[in-house]
Amino acid sequence: FIVEAKRWVVERSFAWTNFFRRNVKDYERNVESPESWLLLANSTIMLQRIIE
């Protein structure tokens, strides 16, 4: 068992994006829509981190 140094950062980021309901399950039919929702969720998280 080898502990990876920055893995928790990635896992935490994925957990934060799961707070947005549309990212938890894929409701869309085309590929562009989920990508845009993921981008919006990540942008929101980054803006909240900057504001703090």
C-alpha atoms as a PDB file:
ATOM      1  CA  PHE A   1       0.000   0.000   0.000  1.00  0.00           C
ATOM      2  CA  ILE A   2       1.457   3.319  -1.117  1.00  0.00           C
ATOM      3  CA  VAL A   3      -0.116   6.604  -0.037  1.00  0.00           C
ATOM      4  CA  GLU A   4      -0.387   9.067  -2.902  1.00  0.00           C
ATOM      5  CA  ALA A   5       0.382  12.629  -1.902  1.00  0.00           C
ATOM      6  CA  LYS A   6      -2.269  14.688  -3.708  1.00  0.00           C
ATOM      7  CA  ARG A   7      -5.047  12.151  -4.212  1.00  0.00           C
ATOM      8  CA  TRP A   8      -7.203  13.659  -1.468  1.00  0.00           C
ATOM      9  CA  VAL A   9      -7.305  16.964  -3.359  1.00  0.00           C
ATOM     10  CA  VAL A  10      -8.830  15.280  -6.402  1.00  0.00           C
ATOM     11  CA  GLU A  11     -11.261  13.207  -4.311  1.00  0.00           C
ATOM     12  CA  ARG A  12     -12.371  16.319  -2.431  1.00  0.00           C
ATOM     13  CA  SER A  13     -12.963  18.177  -5.687  1.00  0.00           C
ATOM     14  CA  PHE A  14     -15.125  15.342  -7.039  1.00  0.00           C
ATOM     15  CA  ALA A  15     -17.104  15.309  -3.789  1.00  0.00           C
ATOM     16  CA  TRP A  16     -17.759  19.043  -4.069  1.00  0.00           C
ATOM     17  CA  THR A  17     -19.079  18.697  -7.614  1.00  0.00           C
ATOM     18  CA  ASN A  18     -21.523  16.029  -6.387  1.00  0.00           C
ATOM     19  CA  PHE A  19     -23.314  18.713  -4.342  1.00  0.00           C
ATOM     20  CA  PHE A  20     -24.800  19.886  -7.644  1.00  0.00           C
ATOM     21  CA  ARG A  21     -27.748  17.574  -8.376  1.00  0.00           C
ATOM     22  CA  ARG A  22     -27.433  17.664 -12.157  1.00  0.00           C
ATOM     23  CA  ASN A  23     -23.887  16.282 -11.932  1.00  0.00           C
ATOM     24  CA  VAL A  24     -24.824  13.269  -9.816  1.00  0.00           C
ATOM     25  CA  LYS A  25     -26.804  11.557 -12.555  1.00  0.00           C
ATOM     26  CA  ASP A  26     -26.654  12.062 -16.308  1.00  0.00           C
ATOM     27  CA  TYR A  27     -30.087  13.305 -17.386  1.00  0.00           C
ATOM     28  CA  GLU A  28     -28.972  14.811 -20.682  1.00  0.00           C
ATOM     29  CA  ARG A  29     -28.955  13.207 -24.129  1.00  0.00           C
ATOM     30  CA  ASN A  30     -26.033  15.015 -25.707  1.00  0.00           C
ATOM     31  CA  VAL A  31     -22.442  15.271 -24.506  1.00  0.00           C
ATOM     32  CA  GLU A  32     -22.093  19.050 -24.461  1.00  0.00           C
ATOM     33  CA  SER A  33     -24.744  19.671 -21.825  1.00  0.00           C
ATOM     34  CA  PRO A  34     -23.191  17.616 -18.975  1.00  0.00           C
ATOM     35  CA  GLU A  35     -19.800  19.109 -19.794  1.00  0.00           C
ATOM     36  CA  SER A  36     -21.209  22.611 -19.481  1.00  0.00           C
ATOM     37  CA  TRP A  37     -22.932  21.778 -16.172  1.00  0.00           C
ATOM     38  CA  LEU A  38     -19.667  20.382 -14.828  1.00  0.00           C
ATOM     39  CA  LEU A  39     -17.834  23.519 -15.941  1.00  0.00           C
ATOM     40  CA  LEU A  40     -20.481  25.681 -14.261  1.00  0.00           C
ATOM     41  CA  ALA A  41     -20.243  23.681 -11.018  1.00  0.00           C
ATOM     42  CA  ASN A  42     -16.440  23.886 -10.956  1.00  0.00           C
ATOM     43  CA  SER A  43     -16.544  27.611 -11.718  1.00  0.00           C
ATOM     44  CA  THR A  44     -18.978  28.156  -8.861  1.00  0.00           C
ATOM     45  CA  ILE A  45     -16.761  26.218  -6.464  1.00  0.00           C
ATOM     46  CA  MET A  46     -13.685  28.181  -7.538  1.00  0.00           C
ATOM     47  CA  LEU A  47     -15.487  31.520  -7.124  1.00  0.00           C
ATOM     48  CA  GLN A  48     -16.665  30.540  -3.644  1.00  0.00           C
ATOM     49  CA  ARG A  49     -13.086  29.627  -2.708  1.00  0.00           C
ATOM     50  CA  ILE A  50     -11.797  32.975  -4.008  1.00  0.00           C
ATOM     51  CA  ILE A  51     -14.459  34.932  -2.116  1.00  0.00           C
ATOM     52  CA  GLU A  52     -13.591  33.232   1.180  1.00  0.00           C
END
